[in-house]
Amino acid sequence: MTLRSSLFGSRFCGLMTALGLSLGMALHAAYLLPSLYWFEHNNSHLLSIITWLGAGYLFFIAVQCLQAKPKGQLSIGSNQEKITPLRALLIGFLTDVLNPKIIIFILALLSQYIEGELTLHQQLSYGAVLVGVQLLWFSGVAIFFSIPSLRNKLYSASHWIERCSGVLLILLAIKIIWIR
């Protein structure tokens, strides 16, 4: 999503998507870290609901990607897709919040290092690291892929990139549902 926002919007839109993804991670951290012990020791129906919502959202994004049309040449300063910074932020946030793999990632990663209940200081520390790493990584993606020469080359092939992404997202949605 950060690549898409950088390519079809601007560097700032890519950075806003990175911020949205990180805010989504912060939301996950806010409820997962205090309840990590509970999630590890109880079979929760909440995870099933999140999984289905996430798979549905991935499928929705995939269908949009599969409908991509050739864009032509990118003119300097062009925002042909009209991705606004607010929309980019919302896309990033929803992509992260509705991604069930984030929940599984956090639970799998932190359960290796944490035994028992966490103090508030530990929760805030782990949450800050998760959010900070995600913000740095996706900001780097936004900055790198918005370099004008690279952006122009990617833009001309963007319909193929989006279509391939659509296929991969459908496969990911099916896998998420299948393993659940």
C-alpha atoms as a PDB file:
ATOM      1  CA  MET A   1       0.000   0.000   0.000  1.00  0.00           C
ATOM      2  CA  THR A   2       2.877   2.370   0.721  1.00  0.00           C
ATOM      3  CA  LEU A   3       4.334   1.689  -2.712  1.00  0.00           C
ATOM      4  CA  ARG A   4       0.939   2.303  -4.337  1.00  0.00           C
ATOM      5  CA  SER A   5       0.430   5.591  -2.488  1.00  0.00           C
ATOM      6  CA  SER A   6       3.957   6.734  -3.370  1.00  0.00           C
ATOM      7  CA  LEU A   7       3.534   5.770  -6.990  1.00  0.00           C
ATOM      8  CA  PHE A   8       0.017   7.071  -7.631  1.00  0.00           C
ATOM      9  CA  GLY A   9       0.005   9.922  -5.145  1.00  0.00           C
ATOM     10  CA  SER A  10       3.237  11.455  -3.960  1.00  0.00           C
ATOM     11  CA  ARG A  11       6.064  10.947  -1.519  1.00  0.00           C
ATOM     12  CA  PHE A  12       3.926  12.655   1.126  1.00  0.00           C
ATOM     13  CA  CYS A  13       1.027  10.281   0.410  1.00  0.00           C
ATOM     14  CA  GLY A  14       3.420   7.332   0.783  1.00  0.00           C
ATOM     15  CA  LEU A  15       4.595   8.720   4.111  1.00  0.00           C
ATOM     16  CA  MET A  16       0.974   9.178   5.210  1.00  0.00           C
ATOM     17  CA  THR A  17       0.285   5.535   4.338  1.00  0.00           C
ATOM     18  CA  ALA A  18       3.321   4.561   6.424  1.00  0.00           C
ATOM     19  CA  LEU A  19       1.898   6.613   9.283  1.00  0.00           C
ATOM     20  CA  GLY A  20      -1.506   4.937   8.860  1.00  0.00           C
ATOM     21  CA  LEU A  21       0.092   1.487   8.958  1.00  0.00           C
ATOM     22  CA  SER A  22       1.966   2.471  12.106  1.00  0.00           C
ATOM     23  CA  LEU A  23      -1.178   3.821  13.771  1.00  0.00           C
ATOM     24  CA  GLY A  24      -2.819   0.487  12.981  1.00  0.00           C
ATOM     25  CA  MET A  25       0.113  -1.278  14.611  1.00  0.00           C
ATOM     26  CA  ALA A  26      -0.305   1.001  17.639  1.00  0.00           C
ATOM     27  CA  LEU A  27      -3.963  -0.043  17.894  1.00  0.00           C
ATOM     28  CA  HIS A  28      -3.018  -3.722  17.726  1.00  0.00           C
ATOM     29  CA  ALA A  29      -0.306  -3.203  20.331  1.00  0.00           C
ATOM     30  CA  ALA A  30      -2.733  -1.339  22.601  1.00  0.00           C
ATOM     31  CA  TYR A  31      -5.047  -4.341  22.952  1.00  0.00           C
ATOM     32  CA  LEU A  32      -2.645  -7.223  22.330  1.00  0.00           C
ATOM     33  CA  LEU A  33       0.160  -6.352  24.712  1.00  0.00           C
ATOM     34  CA  PRO A  34      -2.020  -6.051  27.844  1.00  0.00           C
ATOM     35  CA  SER A  35      -3.843  -9.254  26.925  1.00  0.00           C
ATOM     36  CA  LEU A  36      -0.933 -11.248  25.504  1.00  0.00           C
ATOM     37  CA  TYR A  37      -1.045 -13.763  28.328  1.00  0.00           C
ATOM     38  CA  TRP A  38      -4.780 -14.274  27.815  1.00  0.00           C
ATOM     39  CA  PHE A  39      -4.449 -14.695  24.019  1.00  0.00           C
ATOM     40  CA  GLU A  40      -1.778 -17.329  24.504  1.00  0.00           C
ATOM     41  CA  HIS A  41      -3.826 -19.388  26.944  1.00  0.00           C
ATOM     42  CA  ASN A  42      -7.378 -19.116  25.572  1.00  0.00           C
ATOM     43  CA  ASN A  43      -8.876 -20.191  22.274  1.00  0.00           C
ATOM     44  CA  SER A  44     -10.539 -16.942  21.209  1.00  0.00           C
ATOM     45  CA  HIS A  45     -13.387 -16.516  18.750  1.00  0.00           C
ATOM     46  CA  LEU A  46     -12.209 -12.939  18.370  1.00  0.00           C
ATOM     47  CA  LEU A  47      -9.235 -14.143  16.347  1.00  0.00           C
ATOM     48  CA  SER A  48     -11.597 -15.981  13.978  1.00  0.00           C
ATOM     49  CA  ILE A  49     -13.697 -12.852  13.451  1.00  0.00           C
ATOM     50  CA  ILE A  50     -10.589 -10.754  12.816  1.00  0.00           C
ATOM     51  CA  THR A  51      -9.321 -13.382  10.392  1.00  0.00           C
ATOM     52  CA  TRP A  52     -12.528 -13.344   8.327  1.00  0.00           C
ATOM     53  CA  LEU A  53     -12.705  -9.530   8.278  1.00  0.00           C
ATOM     54  CA  GLY A  54      -9.079  -9.313   7.250  1.00  0.00           C
ATOM     55  CA  ALA A  55      -9.445 -11.908   4.494  1.00  0.00           C
ATOM     56  CA  GLY A  56     -12.498 -10.043   3.194  1.00  0.00           C
ATOM     57  CA  TYR A  57     -10.615  -6.758   3.100  1.00  0.00           C
ATOM     58  CA  LEU A  58      -7.659  -8.367   1.309  1.00  0.00           C
ATOM     59  CA  PHE A  59     -10.086  -9.792  -1.263  1.00  0.00           C
ATOM     60  CA  PHE A  60     -11.668  -6.343  -1.722  1.00  0.00           C
ATOM     61  CA  ILE A  61      -8.264  -4.751  -2.343  1.00  0.00           C
ATOM     62  CA  ALA A  62      -7.348  -7.614  -4.718  1.00  0.00           C
ATOM     63  CA  VAL A  63     -10.417  -7.059  -6.888  1.00  0.00           C
ATOM     64  CA  GLN A  64      -9.523  -3.373  -7.202  1.00  0.00           C
ATOM     65  CA  CYS A  65      -5.968  -4.295  -8.196  1.00  0.00           C
ATOM     66  CA  LEU A  66      -7.148  -6.785 -10.824  1.00  0.00           C
ATOM     67  CA  GLN A  67      -9.158  -4.030 -12.529  1.00  0.00           C
ATOM     68  CA  ALA A  68      -6.056  -1.867 -13.081  1.00  0.00           C
ATOM     69  CA  LYS A  69      -5.698  -0.300 -16.517  1.00  0.00           C
ATOM     70  CA  PRO A  70      -2.540   0.979 -18.209  1.00  0.00           C
ATOM     71  CA  LYS A  71      -1.784   4.507 -17.029  1.00  0.00           C
ATOM     72  CA  GLY A  72       0.409   5.905 -19.794  1.00  0.00           C
ATOM     73  CA  GLN A  73       3.286   8.179 -18.922  1.00  0.00           C
ATOM     74  CA  LEU A  74       3.609   9.949 -15.608  1.00  0.00           C
ATOM     75  CA  SER A  75       3.913  13.693 -15.929  1.00  0.00           C
ATOM     76  CA  ILE A  76       5.977  15.529 -13.337  1.00  0.00           C
ATOM     77  CA  GLY A  77       3.806  16.626 -10.449  1.00  0.00           C
ATOM     78  CA  SER A  78       0.951  14.475 -11.681  1.00  0.00           C
ATOM     79  CA  ASN A  79      -1.433  12.904  -9.213  1.00  0.00           C
ATOM     80  CA  GLN A  80      -3.493  11.023 -11.765  1.00  0.00           C
ATOM     81  CA  GLU A  81      -5.048   8.723  -9.196  1.00  0.00           C
ATOM     82  CA  LYS A  82      -6.073  11.585  -6.894  1.00  0.00           C
ATOM     83  CA  ILE A  83      -4.831   9.870  -3.771  1.00  0.00           C
ATOM     84  CA  THR A  84      -5.092  12.495  -1.077  1.00  0.00           C
ATOM     85  CA  PRO A  85      -2.911  12.395   2.032  1.00  0.00           C
ATOM     86  CA  LEU A  86      -5.997  11.719   4.183  1.00  0.00           C
ATOM     87  CA  ARG A  87      -7.069   8.840   1.952  1.00  0.00           C
ATOM     88  CA  ALA A  88      -3.514   7.468   2.021  1.00  0.00           C
ATOM     89  CA  LEU A  89      -3.535   7.611   5.840  1.00  0.00           C
ATOM     90  CA  LEU A  90      -6.894   5.815   5.976  1.00  0.00           C
ATOM     91  CA  ILE A  91      -5.770   3.149   3.498  1.00  0.00           C
ATOM     92  CA  GLY A  92      -2.670   2.462   5.582  1.00  0.00           C
ATOM     93  CA  PHE A  93      -4.632   2.337   8.821  1.00  0.00           C
ATOM     94  CA  LEU A  94      -7.360  -0.004   7.498  1.00  0.00           C
ATOM     95  CA  THR A  95      -4.819  -2.231   5.774  1.00  0.00           C
ATOM     96  CA  ASP A  96      -2.973  -2.768   9.046  1.00  0.00           C
ATOM     97  CA  VAL A  97      -5.990  -2.966  11.361  1.00  0.00           C
ATOM     98  CA  LEU A  98      -7.805  -5.501   9.155  1.00  0.00           C
ATOM     99  CA  ASN A  99      -4.733  -7.640   8.527  1.00  0.00           C
ATOM    100  CA  PRO A 100      -5.024 -10.773  10.688  1.00  0.00           C
ATOM    101  CA  LYS A 101      -1.394 -11.637  10.037  1.00  0.00           C
ATOM    102  CA  ILE A 102      -0.347  -8.635  12.137  1.00  0.00           C
ATOM    103  CA  ILE A 103      -2.090 -10.156  15.153  1.00  0.00           C
ATOM    104  CA  ILE A 104      -0.487 -13.517  14.514  1.00  0.00           C
ATOM    105  CA  PHE A 105       2.897 -11.828  13.972  1.00  0.00           C
ATOM    106  CA  ILE A 106       2.719  -9.915  17.258  1.00  0.00           C
ATOM    107  CA  LEU A 107       1.557 -12.962  19.203  1.00  0.00           C
ATOM    108  CA  ALA A 108       4.188 -15.223  17.639  1.00  0.00           C
ATOM    109  CA  LEU A 109       7.036 -12.739  17.992  1.00  0.00           C
ATOM    110  CA  LEU A 110       6.422 -11.560  21.516  1.00  0.00           C
ATOM    111  CA  SER A 111       5.314 -14.889  22.973  1.00  0.00           C
ATOM    112  CA  GLN A 112       8.890 -16.104  22.480  1.00  0.00           C
ATOM    113  CA  TYR A 113      10.211 -13.447  24.841  1.00  0.00           C
ATOM    114  CA  ILE A 114       7.407 -12.829  27.300  1.00  0.00           C
ATOM    115  CA  GLU A 115       6.244 -15.024  30.124  1.00  0.00           C
ATOM    116  CA  GLY A 116       3.427 -13.878  32.385  1.00  0.00           C
ATOM    117  CA  GLU A 117       1.840 -10.465  32.644  1.00  0.00           C
ATOM    118  CA  LEU A 118       3.635  -7.345  31.383  1.00  0.00           C
ATOM    119  CA  THR A 119       4.067  -4.171  33.382  1.00  0.00           C
ATOM    120  CA  LEU A 120       2.749  -0.944  31.853  1.00  0.00           C
ATOM    121  CA  HIS A 121       6.321   0.179  31.170  1.00  0.00           C
ATOM    122  CA  GLN A 122       7.055  -3.076  29.323  1.00  0.00           C
ATOM    123  CA  GLN A 123       3.844  -2.768  27.290  1.00  0.00           C
ATOM    124  CA  LEU A 124       4.696   0.788  26.261  1.00  0.00           C
ATOM    125  CA  SER A 125       8.287  -0.193  25.422  1.00  0.00           C
ATOM    126  CA  TYR A 126       7.290  -3.169  23.252  1.00  0.00           C
ATOM    127  CA  GLY A 127       4.549  -1.108  21.595  1.00  0.00           C
ATOM    128  CA  ALA A 128       6.941   1.753  20.824  1.00  0.00           C
ATOM    129  CA  VAL A 129       9.435  -0.648  19.243  1.00  0.00           C
ATOM    130  CA  LEU A 130       6.746  -2.318  17.090  1.00  0.00           C
ATOM    131  CA  VAL A 131       5.334   1.022  15.909  1.00  0.00           C
ATOM    132  CA  GLY A 132       8.748   2.644  15.444  1.00  0.00           C
ATOM    133  CA  VAL A 133      10.193  -0.177  13.356  1.00  0.00           C
ATOM    134  CA  GLN A 134       7.096  -0.255  11.152  1.00  0.00           C
ATOM    135  CA  LEU A 135       7.105   3.525  10.692  1.00  0.00           C
ATOM    136  CA  LEU A 136      10.818   3.560   9.784  1.00  0.00           C
ATOM    137  CA  TRP A 137      10.523   0.667   7.337  1.00  0.00           C
ATOM    138  CA  PHE A 138       7.476   1.934   5.440  1.00  0.00           C
ATOM    139  CA  SER A 139       8.743   5.534   5.448  1.00  0.00           C
ATOM    140  CA  GLY A 140      11.895   4.221   3.803  1.00  0.00           C
ATOM    141  CA  VAL A 141       9.783   2.403   1.214  1.00  0.00           C
ATOM    142  CA  ALA A 142       7.830   5.620   0.527  1.00  0.00           C
ATOM    143  CA  ILE A 143      10.993   7.687   0.145  1.00  0.00           C
ATOM    144  CA  PHE A 144      12.826   5.151  -2.019  1.00  0.00           C
ATOM    145  CA  PHE A 145       9.958   4.419  -4.401  1.00  0.00           C
ATOM    146  CA  SER A 146       9.106   8.077  -4.857  1.00  0.00           C
ATOM    147  CA  ILE A 147      12.518   8.848  -6.387  1.00  0.00           C
ATOM    148  CA  PRO A 148      11.450  10.401  -9.710  1.00  0.00           C
ATOM    149  CA  SER A 149      13.453   8.150 -12.066  1.00  0.00           C
ATOM    150  CA  LEU A 150      12.331   4.954 -10.326  1.00  0.00           C
ATOM    151  CA  ARG A 151       8.767   6.224  -9.916  1.00  0.00           C
ATOM    152  CA  ASN A 152       8.449   6.885 -13.664  1.00  0.00           C
ATOM    153  CA  LYS A 153       9.612   3.372 -14.572  1.00  0.00           C
ATOM    154  CA  LEU A 154       7.323   1.724 -12.040  1.00  0.00           C
ATOM    155  CA  TYR A 155       4.377   3.904 -13.077  1.00  0.00           C
ATOM    156  CA  SER A 156       4.552   2.732 -16.692  1.00  0.00           C
ATOM    157  CA  ALA A 157       4.352  -0.900 -15.530  1.00  0.00           C
ATOM    158  CA  SER A 158       1.969  -0.200 -12.651  1.00  0.00           C
ATOM    159  CA  HIS A 159      -1.041  -1.997 -14.129  1.00  0.00           C
ATOM    160  CA  TRP A 160       0.965  -5.231 -14.269  1.00  0.00           C
ATOM    161  CA  ILE A 161       2.306  -4.691 -10.766  1.00  0.00           C
ATOM    162  CA  GLU A 162      -1.229  -4.113  -9.487  1.00  0.00           C
ATOM    163  CA  ARG A 163      -2.677  -7.120 -11.305  1.00  0.00           C
ATOM    164  CA  CYS A 164       0.053  -9.397  -9.932  1.00  0.00           C
ATOM    165  CA  SER A 165      -0.530  -7.913  -6.484  1.00  0.00           C
ATOM    166  CA  GLY A 166      -4.252  -8.638  -6.889  1.00  0.00           C
ATOM    167  CA  VAL A 167      -3.570 -12.297  -7.630  1.00  0.00           C
ATOM    168  CA  LEU A 168      -1.210 -12.545  -4.644  1.00  0.00           C
ATOM    169  CA  LEU A 169      -3.759 -10.867  -2.359  1.00  0.00           C
ATOM    170  CA  ILE A 170      -6.491 -13.295  -3.446  1.00  0.00           C
ATOM    171  CA  LEU A 171      -4.162 -16.207  -2.758  1.00  0.00           C
ATOM    172  CA  LEU A 172      -3.294 -14.729   0.632  1.00  0.00           C
ATOM    173  CA  ALA A 173      -6.990 -14.241   1.502  1.00  0.00           C
ATOM    174  CA  ILE A 174      -7.720 -17.858   0.517  1.00  0.00           C
ATOM    175  CA  LYS A 175      -4.753 -19.088   2.572  1.00  0.00           C
ATOM    176  CA  ILE A 176      -5.888 -17.075   5.605  1.00  0.00           C
ATOM    177  CA  ILE A 177      -9.388 -18.531   5.388  1.00  0.00           C
ATOM    178  CA  TRP A 178      -8.106 -22.030   4.634  1.00  0.00           C
ATOM    179  CA  ILE A 179      -5.784 -22.279   7.646  1.00  0.00           C
ATOM    180  CA  ARG A 180      -8.489 -20.906   9.938  1.00  0.00           C
END
